[in-house]
Protein backbone atom coordinates (compact mmCIF):
# COMPACT_ATOMS: atom_id res chain seq x y z
CA UNK A 1 22.51 -13.37 15.07
CA UNK A 2 19.64 -10.92 14.62
CA UNK A 3 18.65 -9.40 11.28
CA UNK A 4 19.70 -5.91 12.40
CA UNK A 5 23.21 -7.05 13.33
CA UNK A 6 23.55 -8.94 10.05
CA UNK A 7 22.50 -5.87 8.06
CA UNK A 8 25.02 -3.68 9.89
CA UNK A 9 27.77 -6.18 9.03
CA UNK A 10 26.79 -5.89 5.35
CA UNK A 11 27.01 -2.09 5.68
CA UNK A 12 30.47 -2.45 7.26
CA UNK A 13 31.59 -4.58 4.30
CA UNK A 14 30.21 -1.93 1.94
CA UNK A 15 32.14 0.87 3.62
CA UNK A 16 35.36 -1.14 3.87
CA UNK A 17 35.21 -2.27 0.23
CA UNK A 18 33.65 0.80 -1.39
CA UNK A 19 36.38 1.06 -4.04
CA UNK A 20 37.16 -2.66 -4.25
CA UNK A 21 37.05 -4.31 -7.70
CA UNK A 22 33.96 -6.20 -8.76
CA UNK A 23 35.81 -9.54 -8.74
CA UNK A 24 36.59 -9.23 -5.01
CA UNK A 25 33.02 -8.31 -4.15
CA UNK A 26 31.69 -11.29 -6.07
CA UNK A 27 34.01 -13.65 -4.17
CA UNK A 28 33.06 -12.08 -0.83
CA UNK A 29 29.34 -12.38 -1.52
CA UNK A 30 29.69 -15.90 -2.88
CA UNK A 31 31.95 -17.25 -0.13
CA UNK A 32 30.97 -15.23 2.94
CA UNK A 33 28.11 -12.74 2.80
CA UNK A 34 25.38 -14.96 1.37
CA UNK A 35 26.07 -17.88 3.69
CA UNK A 36 26.78 -15.67 6.71
CA UNK A 37 23.96 -13.20 6.08
CA UNK A 38 21.21 -15.14 4.36
CA UNK A 39 22.00 -18.72 5.38
CA UNK A 40 22.34 -20.37 1.96
CA UNK A 41 25.25 -22.82 1.63
CA UNK A 42 27.43 -23.51 -1.39
CA UNK A 43 28.18 -26.94 0.08
CA UNK A 44 24.53 -27.88 -0.45
CA UNK A 45 24.43 -26.47 -3.98
CA UNK A 46 22.33 -23.48 -2.93
CA UNK A 47 24.79 -20.86 -4.23
CA UNK A 48 25.28 -21.25 -7.98
CA UNK A 49 27.97 -18.78 -9.07
CA UNK A 50 28.81 -17.92 -12.68
CA UNK A 51 26.46 -20.41 -14.30
CA UNK A 52 26.95 -20.45 -18.06
CA UNK A 53 23.72 -20.16 -20.04
CA UNK A 54 24.07 -20.97 -23.74
CA UNK A 55 21.86 -19.01 -26.11
CA UNK A 56 22.75 -20.71 -29.37
CA UNK A 57 25.09 -19.68 -32.20
CA UNK A 58 27.99 -19.74 -29.74
CA UNK A 59 26.51 -17.00 -27.57
CA UNK A 60 26.38 -17.33 -23.82
CA UNK A 61 25.68 -15.29 -20.69
CA UNK A 62 26.94 -15.78 -17.15
CA UNK A 63 24.82 -14.46 -14.26
CA UNK A 64 26.81 -13.61 -11.13
CA UNK A 65 25.02 -15.63 -8.43
CA UNK A 66 21.84 -17.70 -8.56
CA UNK A 67 20.33 -18.77 -5.24
CA UNK A 68 18.64 -22.17 -5.27
CA UNK A 69 16.57 -24.37 -2.99
CA UNK A 70 16.00 -28.06 -3.75
CA UNK A 71 17.33 -27.53 -7.29
CA UNK A 72 14.85 -24.71 -7.88
CA UNK A 73 16.19 -21.29 -8.88
CA UNK A 74 14.87 -18.72 -6.40
CA UNK A 75 16.50 -15.42 -7.35
CA UNK A 76 19.45 -13.87 -9.16
CA UNK A 77 22.00 -11.49 -7.61
CA UNK A 78 24.02 -9.19 -9.88
CA UNK A 79 27.01 -7.49 -8.28
CA UNK A 80 28.76 -4.30 -9.36
CA UNK A 81 31.36 -2.14 -7.67
CA UNK A 82 29.90 -0.43 -4.62
CA UNK A 83 31.13 2.92 -5.93
CA UNK A 84 29.08 2.66 -9.14
CA UNK A 85 25.77 4.57 -9.23
CA UNK A 86 22.71 2.90 -10.66
CA UNK A 87 22.55 2.75 -14.46
CA UNK A 88 19.62 1.51 -16.51
CA UNK A 89 21.95 -0.91 -18.32
CA UNK A 90 22.49 -2.76 -15.03
CA UNK A 91 18.75 -3.19 -14.63
CA UNK A 92 18.35 -4.37 -18.21
CA UNK A 93 21.07 -6.99 -17.69
CA UNK A 94 19.38 -8.29 -14.55
CA UNK A 95 16.00 -8.39 -16.29
CA UNK A 96 17.45 -10.42 -19.16
CA UNK A 97 18.83 -12.99 -16.70
CA UNK A 98 15.52 -13.15 -14.84
CA UNK A 99 13.83 -13.78 -18.19
CA UNK A 100 16.24 -16.59 -19.07
CA UNK A 101 16.05 -18.20 -15.63
CA UNK A 102 12.32 -17.52 -15.32
CA UNK A 103 12.75 -16.23 -11.77
CA UNK A 104 10.47 -13.49 -10.49
CA UNK A 105 12.89 -11.97 -7.97
CA UNK A 106 16.24 -10.32 -8.59
CA UNK A 107 18.76 -8.25 -6.65
CA UNK A 108 21.17 -5.64 -8.04
CA UNK A 109 24.01 -4.50 -5.79
CA UNK A 110 25.95 -1.34 -6.61
CA UNK A 111 25.96 2.02 -4.80
CA UNK A 112 22.66 0.85 -3.31
CA UNK A 113 20.77 -2.43 -3.23
CA UNK A 114 17.89 -2.67 -5.71
CA UNK A 115 15.30 -5.38 -5.15
CA UNK A 116 13.12 -6.38 -8.11
CA UNK A 117 9.98 -8.39 -8.76
CA UNK A 118 9.24 -9.28 -12.38
CA UNK A 119 5.70 -9.69 -13.69
CA UNK A 120 6.18 -12.03 -16.66
CA UNK A 121 2.62 -11.55 -17.94
CA UNK A 122 3.22 -7.81 -18.35
CA UNK A 123 6.99 -7.94 -18.87
CA UNK A 124 7.19 -5.31 -16.15
CA UNK A 125 9.62 -4.79 -13.27
CA UNK A 126 8.82 -3.39 -9.84
CA UNK A 127 11.72 -2.25 -7.71
CA UNK A 128 12.73 -0.63 -4.47
CA UNK A 129 16.12 0.80 -3.51
CA UNK A 130 17.87 0.30 -0.18
CA UNK A 131 20.72 2.52 1.00
CA UNK A 132 23.73 1.06 2.79
CA UNK A 133 23.06 2.81 6.10
CA UNK A 134 23.39 1.25 9.54
CA UNK A 135 20.11 0.33 11.23
CA UNK A 136 18.21 1.06 7.99
CA UNK A 137 14.77 -0.55 8.50
CA UNK A 138 14.61 -1.40 4.78
CA UNK A 139 18.01 -3.10 4.95
CA UNK A 140 16.95 -5.11 7.99
CA UNK A 141 13.78 -6.10 6.12
CA UNK A 142 15.93 -7.12 3.13
CA UNK A 143 17.95 -9.54 5.29
CA UNK A 144 14.79 -10.99 6.80
CA UNK A 145 12.93 -11.37 3.51
CA UNK A 146 15.83 -13.02 1.68
CA UNK A 147 17.00 -15.28 4.51
CA UNK A 148 16.79 -19.01 3.93
CA UNK A 149 13.50 -20.25 5.28
CA UNK A 150 11.82 -16.83 5.00
CA UNK A 151 11.99 -16.35 1.23
CA UNK A 152 8.58 -15.61 -0.29
CA UNK A 153 7.96 -13.93 -3.65
CA UNK A 154 4.61 -12.66 -2.38
CA UNK A 155 6.12 -11.06 0.74
CA UNK A 156 8.89 -9.43 -1.29
CA UNK A 157 6.36 -8.03 -3.77
CA UNK A 158 4.23 -6.72 -0.90
CA UNK A 159 7.32 -5.06 0.58
CA UNK A 160 8.11 -3.35 -2.74
CA UNK A 161 4.49 -2.24 -3.22
CA UNK A 162 4.35 -0.86 0.31
CA UNK A 163 7.55 1.17 -0.11
CA UNK A 164 6.54 2.48 -3.52
CA UNK A 165 3.03 3.40 -2.35
CA UNK A 166 4.56 5.29 0.56
CA UNK A 167 6.95 7.18 -1.73
CA UNK A 168 4.18 7.98 -4.22
CA UNK A 169 1.87 9.24 -1.48
CA UNK A 170 4.63 11.45 -0.07
CA UNK A 171 5.21 12.94 -3.52
CA UNK A 172 1.47 13.46 -3.99
CA UNK A 173 1.26 15.30 -0.67
CA UNK A 174 4.25 17.46 -1.62
CA UNK A 175 2.66 18.31 -4.96
CA UNK A 176 -0.50 19.47 -3.17
CA UNK A 177 1.36 21.79 -0.80
CA UNK A 178 0.67 24.82 -2.94
CA UNK A 179 0.09 28.50 -2.33
CA UNK A 180 -3.63 28.09 -2.94
CA UNK A 181 -4.01 25.20 -0.49
CA UNK A 182 -1.96 26.85 2.25
CA UNK A 183 -3.84 30.13 1.91
CA UNK A 184 -7.18 28.30 1.92
CA UNK A 185 -6.27 26.38 5.08
CA UNK A 186 -5.09 29.53 6.86
CA UNK A 187 -8.24 31.40 5.91
CA UNK A 188 -10.42 28.51 7.04
CA UNK A 189 -8.63 28.47 10.38
CA UNK A 190 -8.86 32.20 11.07
CA UNK A 191 -12.42 32.64 9.78
CA UNK A 192 -13.66 30.69 12.78
CA UNK A 193 -12.57 33.63 14.96
CA UNK A 194 -12.23 36.73 12.77
CA UNK A 195 -14.20 38.55 10.10
CA UNK A 196 -13.36 37.82 6.46
CA UNK A 197 -12.23 41.41 5.83
CA UNK A 198 -9.83 41.18 8.78
CA UNK A 199 -8.36 37.90 7.57
CA UNK A 200 -7.91 39.17 4.00
CA UNK A 201 -6.22 42.33 5.25
CA UNK A 202 -3.88 40.39 7.55
CA UNK A 203 -2.79 38.06 4.76
CA UNK A 204 -1.98 40.76 2.22
CA UNK A 205 1.65 41.01 3.28
CA UNK A 206 2.23 37.45 4.43
CA UNK A 207 5.21 35.53 2.99
CA UNK A 208 5.34 31.75 3.40
CA UNK A 209 8.65 29.90 2.96
CA UNK A 210 8.71 26.18 2.17
CA UNK A 211 11.86 24.09 2.52
CA UNK A 212 12.19 20.68 0.93
CA UNK A 213 15.11 18.55 -0.31
CA UNK A 214 17.62 21.26 0.62
CA UNK A 215 15.79 23.71 -1.62
CA UNK A 216 14.12 26.77 -0.19
CA UNK A 217 11.54 28.65 -2.18
CA UNK A 218 9.15 31.38 -1.25
CA UNK A 219 5.41 31.58 -1.73
CA UNK A 220 3.89 34.98 -1.20
CA UNK A 221 0.91 37.05 -2.15
CA UNK A 222 0.95 37.58 -5.92
CA UNK A 223 2.78 40.69 -7.09
CA UNK A 224 2.90 41.88 -10.69
CA UNK A 225 5.46 44.02 -12.48
CA UNK A 226 6.00 45.25 -16.01
CA UNK A 227 9.54 44.40 -17.09
CA UNK A 228 9.31 46.26 -20.37
CA UNK A 229 9.29 43.12 -22.50
CA UNK A 230 6.50 40.86 -21.31
CA UNK A 231 3.75 42.77 -19.51
CA UNK A 232 2.39 41.61 -16.18
CA UNK A 233 5.00 38.99 -15.32
CA UNK A 234 5.30 37.44 -11.86
CA UNK A 235 7.97 39.15 -9.77
CA UNK A 236 11.17 37.05 -10.06
CA UNK A 237 11.87 36.90 -6.32
CA UNK A 238 14.20 33.89 -6.37
CA UNK A 239 15.20 33.45 -10.01
CA UNK A 240 18.88 32.97 -10.76
CA UNK A 241 20.87 35.54 -12.71
CA UNK A 242 21.99 34.31 -16.11
CA UNK A 243 25.54 32.91 -15.88
CA UNK A 244 28.21 33.78 -18.43
CA UNK A 245 28.29 30.29 -19.95
CA UNK A 246 25.93 28.42 -22.27
CA UNK A 247 23.80 25.64 -20.86
CA UNK A 248 20.81 23.45 -21.60
CA UNK A 249 17.92 23.03 -19.16
CA UNK A 250 16.54 19.50 -18.77
CA UNK A 251 13.23 19.38 -16.94
CA UNK A 252 12.56 16.15 -15.07
CA UNK A 253 10.08 15.11 -12.38
CA UNK A 254 9.94 13.59 -8.90
CA UNK A 255 8.28 10.47 -10.32
CA UNK A 256 11.07 10.10 -12.88
CA UNK A 257 13.65 10.36 -10.09
CA UNK A 258 11.91 7.52 -8.25
CA UNK A 259 11.65 5.49 -11.46
CA UNK A 260 15.31 5.99 -12.44
CA UNK A 261 16.74 5.69 -8.95
CA UNK A 262 18.38 9.11 -8.58
CA UNK A 263 18.43 12.65 -9.97
CA UNK A 264 21.41 12.08 -12.26
CA UNK A 265 19.81 9.15 -14.06
CA UNK A 266 16.48 10.99 -14.28
CA UNK A 267 18.25 13.93 -15.92
CA UNK A 268 20.84 12.51 -18.24
CA UNK A 269 18.88 10.45 -20.76
CA UNK A 270 17.27 9.84 -23.16
CA UNK A 271 15.85 13.03 -24.62
CA UNK A 272 14.62 13.86 -28.08
CA UNK A 273 16.75 16.78 -29.26
CA UNK A 274 18.63 18.10 -32.25
CA UNK A 275 22.37 17.81 -32.87
CA UNK A 276 22.73 21.29 -31.40
CA UNK A 277 22.65 19.81 -27.90
CA UNK A 278 26.12 18.29 -28.33
CA UNK A 279 27.65 21.80 -28.22
CA UNK A 280 26.61 22.38 -24.61
CA UNK A 281 28.95 21.58 -21.71
CA UNK A 282 26.57 22.38 -18.85
CA UNK A 283 23.18 20.86 -17.97
CA UNK A 284 20.79 22.35 -15.41
CA UNK A 285 18.60 19.66 -13.86
CA UNK A 286 15.24 21.28 -13.10
CA UNK A 287 12.33 19.90 -11.07
CA UNK A 288 9.15 21.94 -10.63
CA UNK A 289 10.91 25.04 -12.06
CA UNK A 290 13.78 24.88 -9.51
CA UNK A 291 17.41 23.94 -10.22
CA UNK A 292 18.22 20.72 -8.37
CA UNK A 293 21.70 20.12 -9.84
CA UNK A 294 24.20 21.42 -12.38
CA UNK A 295 26.14 18.84 -14.36
CA UNK A 296 29.35 19.33 -16.31
CA UNK A 297 29.04 17.21 -19.45
CA UNK A 298 31.98 14.95 -20.24
CA UNK A 299 30.45 13.52 -23.40
CA UNK A 300 27.15 13.43 -25.28
CA UNK A 301 25.87 10.22 -26.86
CA UNK A 302 23.18 9.71 -29.47
CA UNK A 303 20.81 6.91 -30.38
CA UNK A 304 18.43 7.70 -33.21
CA UNK A 305 16.88 11.08 -32.39
CA UNK A 306 17.55 10.78 -28.67
CA UNK A 307 20.52 12.13 -26.72
CA UNK A 308 21.99 11.46 -23.30
CA UNK A 309 25.13 12.56 -21.50
CA UNK A 310 27.79 11.38 -19.10
CA UNK A 311 29.13 13.88 -16.62
CA UNK A 312 29.54 14.96 -13.02
CA UNK A 313 28.12 17.58 -10.66
CA UNK A 314 29.49 21.11 -10.79
CA UNK A 315 30.81 22.63 -7.58
CA UNK A 316 31.93 25.97 -6.18
CA UNK A 317 30.55 29.23 -7.54
CA UNK A 318 28.50 27.59 -10.29
CA UNK A 319 26.74 25.41 -7.72
CA UNK A 320 26.18 28.22 -5.23
CA UNK A 321 24.75 30.64 -7.81
CA UNK A 322 22.22 28.23 -9.31
CA UNK A 323 21.16 25.49 -6.89
CA UNK A 324 17.78 26.08 -5.30
CA UNK A 325 17.00 28.99 -7.63
CA UNK A 326 14.01 29.19 -9.94
CA UNK A 327 14.62 29.25 -13.68
CA UNK A 328 13.80 32.65 -15.24
CA UNK A 329 10.26 33.26 -16.45
CA UNK A 330 11.32 33.11 -20.11
CA UNK A 331 12.05 29.38 -19.63
CA UNK A 332 8.78 28.54 -17.88
CA UNK A 333 6.20 30.73 -19.60
CA UNK A 334 3.52 29.36 -21.89
CA UNK A 335 5.07 27.58 -24.86
CA UNK A 336 8.19 26.51 -22.95
CA UNK A 337 6.90 23.16 -21.69
CA UNK A 338 9.37 21.11 -23.77
CA UNK A 339 11.70 19.18 -21.40
CA UNK A 340 14.88 20.31 -23.18
CA UNK A 341 15.38 24.09 -23.27
CA UNK A 342 18.46 25.97 -24.45
CA UNK A 343 19.85 29.14 -22.88
CA UNK A 344 18.62 32.28 -24.60
């Protein structure tokens, strides 16, 4: 059976068992998926499930599944419910098991598959995420890389580095698609044919619209107004109107989203803030001055001076009025660079 077909069978299992309990998934992976997909056999002692590791003073930990070859531990697989989104606690648990087992490769399975390589000398994890989507090239590569006979720590690390370099380069390119660069490229193009005065005149009224990640924002020739409070402010072409509820803005970044695995995790914790934050029931997740998501807070939690929240995405009118809009100038002007900003 080819790697692509095997991956699609894993995706089918994911869809069929999306809400299944963790115990069922662990049995399925232990008894069927690992042997059928990756070729390791429990009969030969290659699938070591629920090994008890004693830590002293009566403490113990039990990793989900350890894959072995000739009595050597190769990698650890930690399984969660498919419906659960990534949480940093899951990663920390896997890292602790990799430390104890002294294995450099680990796999976390939840809403996505997360493949890790651990650099013991730096105590640092590298990771890549793989979505459960049919014919996903990364999923097919996962099956190939982790199949018995193909397993190589070096190849897996190269795969992770390649995917992360690609993602970082894409983000770098996006960050450089600015008004200044676009205008400069257009001018350079037209100046080969037209006079500079003609090009400048033609571009006076040009509006350029960029669309990315379901967010549309407009770049146009600078226009200045006096709003009566702060002189000479940029014209708020696509700013949202203040809603009639209190909220806190949390400013995150594309790199943080990649690091944390998704926008929710990159937004929700852990931020240095005062106790005042616990009074707010809405969080606006903002990237590059634009609202990416609105979360309804179910509970705030505190550790030392840092806060984080648990919640879910807002829908309906709240979503429609805020998503894709730029935060007002008062929240992005000089002196407002702090990542946690309260509604004024």
